[in-house]
Amino acid sequence: MALQFTPFLMPIIGAAIVLSLLACYAWRQSMTAAGTDVFLVLIILSAWWCYTYALELMTTDPGVMLFWVKLEWISIALLPVAWLLFSLTYAGYSRRVTLSSITLLSVNPAIMIILAWTTPAHSLIYANIGVRDVGGFVVFDAERGPAFYVHVAYSYLLILIATALIIRAWRRASGPQRQLALVVAAGALLPIISNVVYQVGLAADMPIYVDLTVPAFAFSAVLFAWGWFRLHLFE
């Protein structure tokens, strides 16, 4: 299996390490601080995406690359749900985070994960799967199927609701909590903006060959870490 290197690997791996450290700290605090269990799930999914995407970028073999893409879908599908649950908890609506609501929100992600793992037996998510050489750097290349766009629409709906909750919490907060809410909102918006740019680039066939959503987690990780250790996120 041939390996390759790209400068994009550095911020992605850096984000994965920071997120892993945050997950360890959140796990230690989960029994004493309310809300850290949801935050822990969010951070673990984010770290998983960073690790698997880094491994995808490191390989040039189409079969191996598709294997890592399939594993990425665990985070791709579930992160919007985790972010909404985290936002509900952070904004003071933890009573809405119930087993029934989690199950209902997770139906679509579960279907997407199954469809991703059964690719290429169908073309609902990806079609014409292969790789593309973009000047000495090989990237995953495939046409997006109808289920992929269903996932995009569902994810953006959840993320927009979550972002609205955090912005509302920021507007109502005061003192250090207002500063913290701004940090959390900024950490949420960075991956969202990056993903919008990436999706538009794909639709317009622009030369954007790396998913900008994942490198954006490098900056979000820094903001979350600063919010946790400097502003005591869940104290």
C-alpha atoms as a PDB file:
ATOM      1  CA  MET A   1       0.000   0.000   0.000  1.00  0.00           C
ATOM      2  CA  ALA A   2       1.535   3.314  -1.136  1.00  0.00           C
ATOM      3  CA  LEU A   3       1.458   6.201   1.309  1.00  0.00           C
ATOM      4  CA  GLN A   4       1.554   9.931   0.688  1.00  0.00           C
ATOM      5  CA  PHE A   5       1.968  13.141   2.669  1.00  0.00           C
ATOM      6  CA  THR A   6       0.112  16.443   2.470  1.00  0.00           C
ATOM      7  CA  PRO A   7       0.437  19.535   4.682  1.00  0.00           C
ATOM      8  CA  PHE A   8      -3.285  19.189   5.441  1.00  0.00           C
ATOM      9  CA  LEU A   9      -2.424  16.206   7.618  1.00  0.00           C
ATOM     10  CA  MET A  10      -0.752  18.347  10.268  1.00  0.00           C
ATOM     11  CA  PRO A  11      -3.792  20.393  11.422  1.00  0.00           C
ATOM     12  CA  ILE A  12      -6.030  17.322  11.185  1.00  0.00           C
ATOM     13  CA  ILE A  13      -3.744  15.180  13.349  1.00  0.00           C
ATOM     14  CA  GLY A  14      -3.231  18.110  15.707  1.00  0.00           C
ATOM     15  CA  ALA A  15      -6.988  18.490  16.081  1.00  0.00           C
ATOM     16  CA  ALA A  16      -7.348  14.757  16.715  1.00  0.00           C
ATOM     17  CA  ILE A  17      -4.778  14.882  19.517  1.00  0.00           C
ATOM     18  CA  VAL A  18      -6.347  17.929  21.172  1.00  0.00           C
ATOM     19  CA  LEU A  19      -9.817  16.392  20.914  1.00  0.00           C
ATOM     20  CA  SER A  20      -8.525  13.121  22.392  1.00  0.00           C
ATOM     21  CA  LEU A  21      -7.058  14.977  25.376  1.00  0.00           C
ATOM     22  CA  LEU A  22     -10.339  16.830  25.846  1.00  0.00           C
ATOM     23  CA  ALA A  23     -12.228  13.528  25.697  1.00  0.00           C
ATOM     24  CA  CYS A  24     -10.022  12.056  28.417  1.00  0.00           C
ATOM     25  CA  TYR A  25     -10.571  15.097  30.613  1.00  0.00           C
ATOM     26  CA  ALA A  26     -14.324  15.098  29.931  1.00  0.00           C
ATOM     27  CA  TRP A  27     -14.519  11.416  30.838  1.00  0.00           C
ATOM     28  CA  ARG A  28     -12.844  12.102  34.183  1.00  0.00           C
ATOM     29  CA  GLN A  29     -15.313  14.920  34.840  1.00  0.00           C
ATOM     30  CA  SER A  30     -18.429  13.145  33.563  1.00  0.00           C
ATOM     31  CA  MET A  31     -19.426  11.842  36.969  1.00  0.00           C
ATOM     32  CA  THR A  32     -19.236  15.232  38.671  1.00  0.00           C
ATOM     33  CA  ALA A  33     -20.183  17.866  36.072  1.00  0.00           C
ATOM     34  CA  ALA A  34     -23.574  17.928  34.401  1.00  0.00           C
ATOM     35  CA  GLY A  35     -23.554  17.906  30.617  1.00  0.00           C
ATOM     36  CA  THR A  36     -20.120  16.408  30.107  1.00  0.00           C
ATOM     37  CA  ASP A  37     -21.521  13.071  28.910  1.00  0.00           C
ATOM     38  CA  VAL A  38     -23.046  14.744  25.845  1.00  0.00           C
ATOM     39  CA  PHE A  39     -19.911  16.831  25.367  1.00  0.00           C
ATOM     40  CA  LEU A  40     -17.834  13.654  25.587  1.00  0.00           C
ATOM     41  CA  VAL A  41     -19.793  11.999  22.759  1.00  0.00           C
ATOM     42  CA  LEU A  42     -19.406  15.114  20.622  1.00  0.00           C
ATOM     43  CA  ILE A  43     -15.652  15.226  21.153  1.00  0.00           C
ATOM     44  CA  ILE A  44     -15.148  11.483  20.563  1.00  0.00           C
ATOM     45  CA  LEU A  45     -17.035  11.638  17.254  1.00  0.00           C
ATOM     46  CA  SER A  46     -15.023  14.681  16.209  1.00  0.00           C
ATOM     47  CA  ALA A  47     -11.733  12.975  17.062  1.00  0.00           C
ATOM     48  CA  TRP A  48     -12.794   9.803  15.220  1.00  0.00           C
ATOM     49  CA  TRP A  49     -13.483  11.829  12.078  1.00  0.00           C
ATOM     50  CA  CYS A  50     -10.080  13.508  12.286  1.00  0.00           C
ATOM     51  CA  TYR A  51      -8.222  10.213  12.734  1.00  0.00           C
ATOM     52  CA  THR A  52     -10.040   8.348   9.958  1.00  0.00           C
ATOM     53  CA  TYR A  53      -9.810  11.270   7.542  1.00  0.00           C
ATOM     54  CA  ALA A  54      -6.071  11.561   8.190  1.00  0.00           C
ATOM     55  CA  LEU A  55      -5.698   7.866   7.361  1.00  0.00           C
ATOM     56  CA  GLU A  56      -7.738   8.377   4.190  1.00  0.00           C
ATOM     57  CA  LEU A  57      -5.449  11.207   3.088  1.00  0.00           C
ATOM     58  CA  MET A  58      -2.352   9.125   3.796  1.00  0.00           C
ATOM     59  CA  THR A  59      -3.224   6.306   1.393  1.00  0.00           C
ATOM     60  CA  THR A  60      -3.356   6.187  -2.407  1.00  0.00           C
ATOM     61  CA  ASP A  61      -5.043   2.788  -2.774  1.00  0.00           C
ATOM     62  CA  PRO A  62      -8.722   3.187  -3.849  1.00  0.00           C
ATOM     63  CA  GLY A  63      -9.923   0.175  -1.844  1.00  0.00           C
ATOM     64  CA  VAL A  64      -8.160   1.244   1.350  1.00  0.00           C
ATOM     65  CA  MET A  65      -9.301   4.814   0.856  1.00  0.00           C
ATOM     66  CA  LEU A  66     -12.929   3.685   0.552  1.00  0.00           C
ATOM     67  CA  PHE A  67     -12.510   1.636   3.751  1.00  0.00           C
ATOM     68  CA  TRP A  68     -11.542   4.751   5.705  1.00  0.00           C
ATOM     69  CA  VAL A  69     -14.342   6.757   4.081  1.00  0.00           C
ATOM     70  CA  LYS A  70     -16.835   4.154   5.309  1.00  0.00           C
ATOM     71  CA  LEU A  71     -15.485   4.480   8.858  1.00  0.00           C
ATOM     72  CA  GLU A  72     -15.684   8.264   8.602  1.00  0.00           C
ATOM     73  CA  TRP A  73     -19.425   7.962   8.115  1.00  0.00           C
ATOM     74  CA  ILE A  74     -19.838   7.029  11.783  1.00  0.00           C
ATOM     75  CA  SER A  75     -18.899  10.601  12.621  1.00  0.00           C
ATOM     76  CA  ILE A  76     -20.300  12.226   9.487  1.00  0.00           C
ATOM     77  CA  ALA A  77     -23.769  10.834  10.186  1.00  0.00           C
ATOM     78  CA  LEU A  78     -23.850  11.142  13.986  1.00  0.00           C
ATOM     79  CA  LEU A  79     -22.059  14.445  14.602  1.00  0.00           C
ATOM     80  CA  PRO A  80     -25.074  16.649  13.723  1.00  0.00           C
ATOM     81  CA  VAL A  81     -27.177  14.697  16.224  1.00  0.00           C
ATOM     82  CA  ALA A  82     -24.486  14.971  18.901  1.00  0.00           C
ATOM     83  CA  TRP A  83     -24.120  18.693  18.270  1.00  0.00           C
ATOM     84  CA  LEU A  84     -27.871  19.252  18.638  1.00  0.00           C
ATOM     85  CA  LEU A  85     -27.968  17.269  21.895  1.00  0.00           C
ATOM     86  CA  PHE A  86     -24.974  19.206  23.197  1.00  0.00           C
ATOM     87  CA  SER A  87     -26.646  22.501  22.269  1.00  0.00           C
ATOM     88  CA  LEU A  88     -29.882  21.503  23.983  1.00  0.00           C
ATOM     89  CA  THR A  89     -27.960  20.612  27.138  1.00  0.00           C
ATOM     90  CA  TYR A  90     -25.842  23.764  27.036  1.00  0.00           C
ATOM     91  CA  ALA A  91     -28.851  26.033  26.397  1.00  0.00           C
ATOM     92  CA  GLY A  92     -30.735  24.616  29.376  1.00  0.00           C
ATOM     93  CA  TYR A  93     -33.036  22.141  27.633  1.00  0.00           C
ATOM     94  CA  SER A  94     -31.469  18.948  28.950  1.00  0.00           C
ATOM     95  CA  ARG A  95     -34.950  17.582  29.719  1.00  0.00           C
ATOM     96  CA  ARG A  96     -35.395  17.283  25.953  1.00  0.00           C
ATOM     97  CA  VAL A  97     -32.443  14.913  25.745  1.00  0.00           C
ATOM     98  CA  THR A  98     -34.285  11.653  26.316  1.00  0.00           C
ATOM     99  CA  LEU A  99     -33.823   8.118  25.022  1.00  0.00           C
ATOM    100  CA  SER A 100     -36.822   8.483  22.714  1.00  0.00           C
ATOM    101  CA  SER A 101     -35.561  11.757  21.207  1.00  0.00           C
ATOM    102  CA  ILE A 102     -32.054  10.349  20.731  1.00  0.00           C
ATOM    103  CA  THR A 103     -33.486   7.241  19.047  1.00  0.00           C
ATOM    104  CA  LEU A 104     -35.695   9.310  16.741  1.00  0.00           C
ATOM    105  CA  LEU A 105     -32.879  11.645  15.735  1.00  0.00           C
ATOM    106  CA  SER A 106     -30.548   8.699  15.110  1.00  0.00           C
ATOM    107  CA  VAL A 107     -32.785   6.847  12.622  1.00  0.00           C
ATOM    108  CA  ASN A 108     -31.515   8.798   9.617  1.00  0.00           C
ATOM    109  CA  PRO A 109     -27.821   8.553  10.651  1.00  0.00           C
ATOM    110  CA  ALA A 110     -28.178   4.794  11.192  1.00  0.00           C
ATOM    111  CA  ILE A 111     -29.569   4.370   7.682  1.00  0.00           C
ATOM    112  CA  MET A 112     -26.761   6.497   6.245  1.00  0.00           C
ATOM    113  CA  ILE A 113     -24.097   4.443   8.014  1.00  0.00           C
ATOM    114  CA  ILE A 114     -25.612   1.219   6.682  1.00  0.00           C
ATOM    115  CA  LEU A 115     -25.730   2.660   3.157  1.00  0.00           C
ATOM    116  CA  ALA A 116     -22.122   3.822   3.448  1.00  0.00           C
ATOM    117  CA  TRP A 117     -20.909   0.434   4.674  1.00  0.00           C
ATOM    118  CA  THR A 118     -22.740  -1.395   1.876  1.00  0.00           C
ATOM    119  CA  THR A 119     -21.172   0.776  -0.821  1.00  0.00           C
ATOM    120  CA  PRO A 120     -20.376  -0.038  -3.674  1.00  0.00           C
ATOM    121  CA  ALA A 121     -23.195  -2.590  -3.808  1.00  0.00           C
ATOM    122  CA  HIS A 122     -25.392   0.412  -4.684  1.00  0.00           C
ATOM    123  CA  SER A 123     -24.944   4.024  -5.774  1.00  0.00           C
ATOM    124  CA  LEU A 124     -27.213   5.738  -3.251  1.00  0.00           C
ATOM    125  CA  ILE A 125     -24.313   7.577  -1.583  1.00  0.00           C
ATOM    126  CA  TYR A 126     -21.406   7.237  -4.002  1.00  0.00           C
ATOM    127  CA  ALA A 127     -21.184   6.259  -7.655  1.00  0.00           C
ATOM    128  CA  ASN A 128     -18.195   5.782  -9.955  1.00  0.00           C
ATOM    129  CA  ILE A 129     -15.852   5.479  -6.993  1.00  0.00           C
ATOM    130  CA  GLY A 130     -12.161   5.999  -7.640  1.00  0.00           C
ATOM    131  CA  VAL A 131      -9.270   8.352  -6.986  1.00  0.00           C
ATOM    132  CA  ARG A 132      -8.007  11.487  -8.657  1.00  0.00           C
ATOM    133  CA  ASP A 133      -4.453  12.734  -8.995  1.00  0.00           C
ATOM    134  CA  VAL A 134      -4.424  16.475  -8.348  1.00  0.00           C
ATOM    135  CA  GLY A 135      -0.818  17.300  -9.011  1.00  0.00           C
ATOM    136  CA  GLY A 136       1.090  14.596  -7.196  1.00  0.00           C
ATOM    137  CA  PHE A 137      -1.564  14.194  -4.496  1.00  0.00           C
ATOM    138  CA  VAL A 138      -4.208  11.453  -4.750  1.00  0.00           C
ATOM    139  CA  VAL A 139      -7.678  12.118  -3.324  1.00  0.00           C
ATOM    140  CA  PHE A 140     -10.919  10.153  -3.044  1.00  0.00           C
ATOM    141  CA  ASP A 141     -13.232  10.829  -5.974  1.00  0.00           C
ATOM    142  CA  ALA A 142     -16.847   9.801  -6.486  1.00  0.00           C
ATOM    143  CA  GLU A 143     -20.162  11.116  -7.713  1.00  0.00           C
ATOM    144  CA  ARG A 144     -22.645  11.869  -4.937  1.00  0.00           C
ATOM    145  CA  GLY A 145     -25.869   9.881  -4.953  1.00  0.00           C
ATOM    146  CA  PRO A 146     -29.362  10.935  -3.809  1.00  0.00           C
ATOM    147  CA  ALA A 147     -28.958   9.632  -0.249  1.00  0.00           C
ATOM    148  CA  PHE A 148     -25.888  11.817   0.197  1.00  0.00           C
ATOM    149  CA  TYR A 149     -27.946  14.960  -0.407  1.00  0.00           C
ATOM    150  CA  VAL A 150     -30.666  13.723   1.943  1.00  0.00           C
ATOM    151  CA  HIS A 151     -27.955  13.472   4.589  1.00  0.00           C
ATOM    152  CA  VAL A 152     -26.718  17.004   3.804  1.00  0.00           C
ATOM    153  CA  ALA A 153     -30.226  18.455   4.157  1.00  0.00           C
ATOM    154  CA  TYR A 154     -30.911  16.589   7.417  1.00  0.00           C
ATOM    155  CA  SER A 155     -27.531  17.519   8.890  1.00  0.00           C
ATOM    156  CA  TYR A 156     -27.867  21.201   8.084  1.00  0.00           C
ATOM    157  CA  LEU A 157     -31.332  21.259   9.647  1.00  0.00           C
ATOM    158  CA  LEU A 158     -29.995  19.868  12.940  1.00  0.00           C
ATOM    159  CA  ILE A 159     -26.891  22.059  12.897  1.00  0.00           C
ATOM    160  CA  LEU A 160     -28.867  25.238  12.197  1.00  0.00           C
ATOM    161  CA  ILE A 161     -31.210  24.479  15.107  1.00  0.00           C
ATOM    162  CA  ALA A 162     -28.206  23.781  17.351  1.00  0.00           C
ATOM    163  CA  THR A 163     -26.457  26.986  16.299  1.00  0.00           C
ATOM    164  CA  ALA A 164     -29.630  29.010  16.902  1.00  0.00           C
ATOM    165  CA  LEU A 165     -29.835  27.584  20.437  1.00  0.00           C
ATOM    166  CA  ILE A 166     -26.227  28.542  21.168  1.00  0.00           C
ATOM    167  CA  ILE A 167     -26.648  32.049  19.745  1.00  0.00           C
ATOM    168  CA  ARG A 168     -29.750  32.454  21.876  1.00  0.00           C
ATOM    169  CA  ALA A 169     -27.772  31.349  24.943  1.00  0.00           C
ATOM    170  CA  TRP A 170     -25.037  33.834  24.039  1.00  0.00           C
ATOM    171  CA  ARG A 171     -27.497  36.731  23.723  1.00  0.00           C
ATOM    172  CA  ARG A 172     -29.057  35.905  27.105  1.00  0.00           C
ATOM    173  CA  ALA A 173     -25.778  35.336  28.944  1.00  0.00           C
ATOM    174  CA  SER A 174     -23.717  37.879  30.838  1.00  0.00           C
ATOM    175  CA  GLY A 175     -20.182  38.102  32.197  1.00  0.00           C
ATOM    176  CA  PRO A 176     -17.893  35.090  31.692  1.00  0.00           C
ATOM    177  CA  GLN A 177     -20.817  32.944  30.522  1.00  0.00           C
ATOM    178  CA  ARG A 178     -21.429  35.341  27.649  1.00  0.00           C
ATOM    179  CA  GLN A 179     -17.786  35.063  26.651  1.00  0.00           C
ATOM    180  CA  LEU A 180     -18.014  31.276  26.890  1.00  0.00           C
ATOM    181  CA  ALA A 181     -21.153  31.151  24.734  1.00  0.00           C
ATOM    182  CA  LEU A 182     -19.360  33.192  22.093  1.00  0.00           C
ATOM    183  CA  VAL A 183     -16.444  30.740  22.125  1.00  0.00           C
ATOM    184  CA  VAL A 184     -18.788  27.757  21.751  1.00  0.00           C
ATOM    185  CA  ALA A 185     -20.711  29.477  18.933  1.00  0.00           C
ATOM    186  CA  ALA A 186     -17.482  30.276  17.085  1.00  0.00           C
ATOM    187  CA  GLY A 187     -16.351  26.666  17.500  1.00  0.00           C
ATOM    188  CA  ALA A 188     -19.615  25.510  15.945  1.00  0.00           C
ATOM    189  CA  LEU A 189     -19.612  27.965  13.066  1.00  0.00           C
ATOM    190  CA  LEU A 190     -16.100  27.213  11.810  1.00  0.00           C
ATOM    191  CA  PRO A 191     -16.820  23.632  10.633  1.00  0.00           C
ATOM    192  CA  ILE A 192     -20.232  24.705   9.300  1.00  0.00           C
ATOM    193  CA  ILE A 193     -18.791  27.484   7.139  1.00  0.00           C
ATOM    194  CA  SER A 194     -16.008  25.206   5.963  1.00  0.00           C
ATOM    195  CA  ASN A 195     -18.488  22.477   5.013  1.00  0.00           C
ATOM    196  CA  VAL A 196     -20.628  24.957   3.070  1.00  0.00           C
ATOM    197  CA  VAL A 197     -17.562  26.027   1.094  1.00  0.00           C
ATOM    198  CA  TYR A 198     -16.642  22.390   0.462  1.00  0.00           C
ATOM    199  CA  GLN A 199     -20.144  21.376  -0.663  1.00  0.00           C
ATOM    200  CA  VAL A 200     -20.444  24.390  -2.965  1.00  0.00           C
ATOM    201  CA  GLY A 201     -17.015  23.579  -4.360  1.00  0.00           C
ATOM    202  CA  LEU A 202     -18.095  20.006  -5.113  1.00  0.00           C
ATOM    203  CA  ALA A 203     -21.313  21.137  -6.784  1.00  0.00           C
ATOM    204  CA  ALA A 204     -19.491  23.728  -8.892  1.00  0.00           C
ATOM    205  CA  ASP A 205     -16.589  21.381  -9.691  1.00  0.00           C
ATOM    206  CA  MET A 206     -14.114  23.791  -8.122  1.00  0.00           C
ATOM    207  CA  PRO A 207     -10.544  22.636  -7.327  1.00  0.00           C
ATOM    208  CA  ILE A 208     -11.282  21.898  -3.653  1.00  0.00           C
ATOM    209  CA  TYR A 209      -9.983  18.381  -3.117  1.00  0.00           C
ATOM    210  CA  VAL A 210      -9.733  18.247   0.691  1.00  0.00           C
ATOM    211  CA  ASP A 211     -12.800  18.310   2.954  1.00  0.00           C
ATOM    212  CA  LEU A 212     -12.326  21.660   4.687  1.00  0.00           C
ATOM    213  CA  THR A 213     -14.733  20.608   7.444  1.00  0.00           C
ATOM    214  CA  VAL A 214     -12.163  18.360   9.075  1.00  0.00           C
ATOM    215  CA  PRO A 215      -9.240  20.876   9.166  1.00  0.00           C
ATOM    216  CA  ALA A 216     -11.697  23.376  10.644  1.00  0.00           C
ATOM    217  CA  PHE A 217     -11.945  21.106  13.666  1.00  0.00           C
ATOM    218  CA  ALA A 218      -8.331  22.052  14.395  1.00  0.00           C
ATOM    219  CA  PHE A 219      -9.475  25.574  15.140  1.00  0.00           C
ATOM    220  CA  SER A 220     -12.649  24.417  16.881  1.00  0.00           C
ATOM    221  CA  ALA A 221     -10.582  22.123  19.098  1.00  0.00           C
ATOM    222  CA  VAL A 222      -8.443  25.051  20.174  1.00  0.00           C
ATOM    223  CA  LEU A 223     -11.545  27.101  20.997  1.00  0.00           C
ATOM    224  CA  PHE A 224     -13.125  24.255  22.950  1.00  0.00           C
ATOM    225  CA  ALA A 225      -9.898  23.648  24.846  1.00  0.00           C
ATOM    226  CA  TRP A 226      -9.592  27.323  25.699  1.00  0.00           C
ATOM    227  CA  GLY A 227     -13.247  27.444  26.738  1.00  0.00           C
ATOM    228  CA  TRP A 228     -12.807  24.375  28.914  1.00  0.00           C
ATOM    229  CA  PHE A 229      -9.581  25.233  30.714  1.00  0.00           C
ATOM    230  CA  ARG A 230      -9.810  29.035  30.757  1.00  0.00           C
ATOM    231  CA  LEU A 231     -13.550  29.581  31.193  1.00  0.00           C
ATOM    232  CA  HIS A 232     -14.397  26.250  32.878  1.00  0.00           C
ATOM    233  CA  LEU A 233     -16.960  25.062  30.331  1.00  0.00           C
ATOM    234  CA  PHE A 234     -19.032  22.849  32.622  1.00  0.00           C
ATOM    235  CA  GLU A 235     -18.064  24.080  36.061  1.00  0.00           C
END
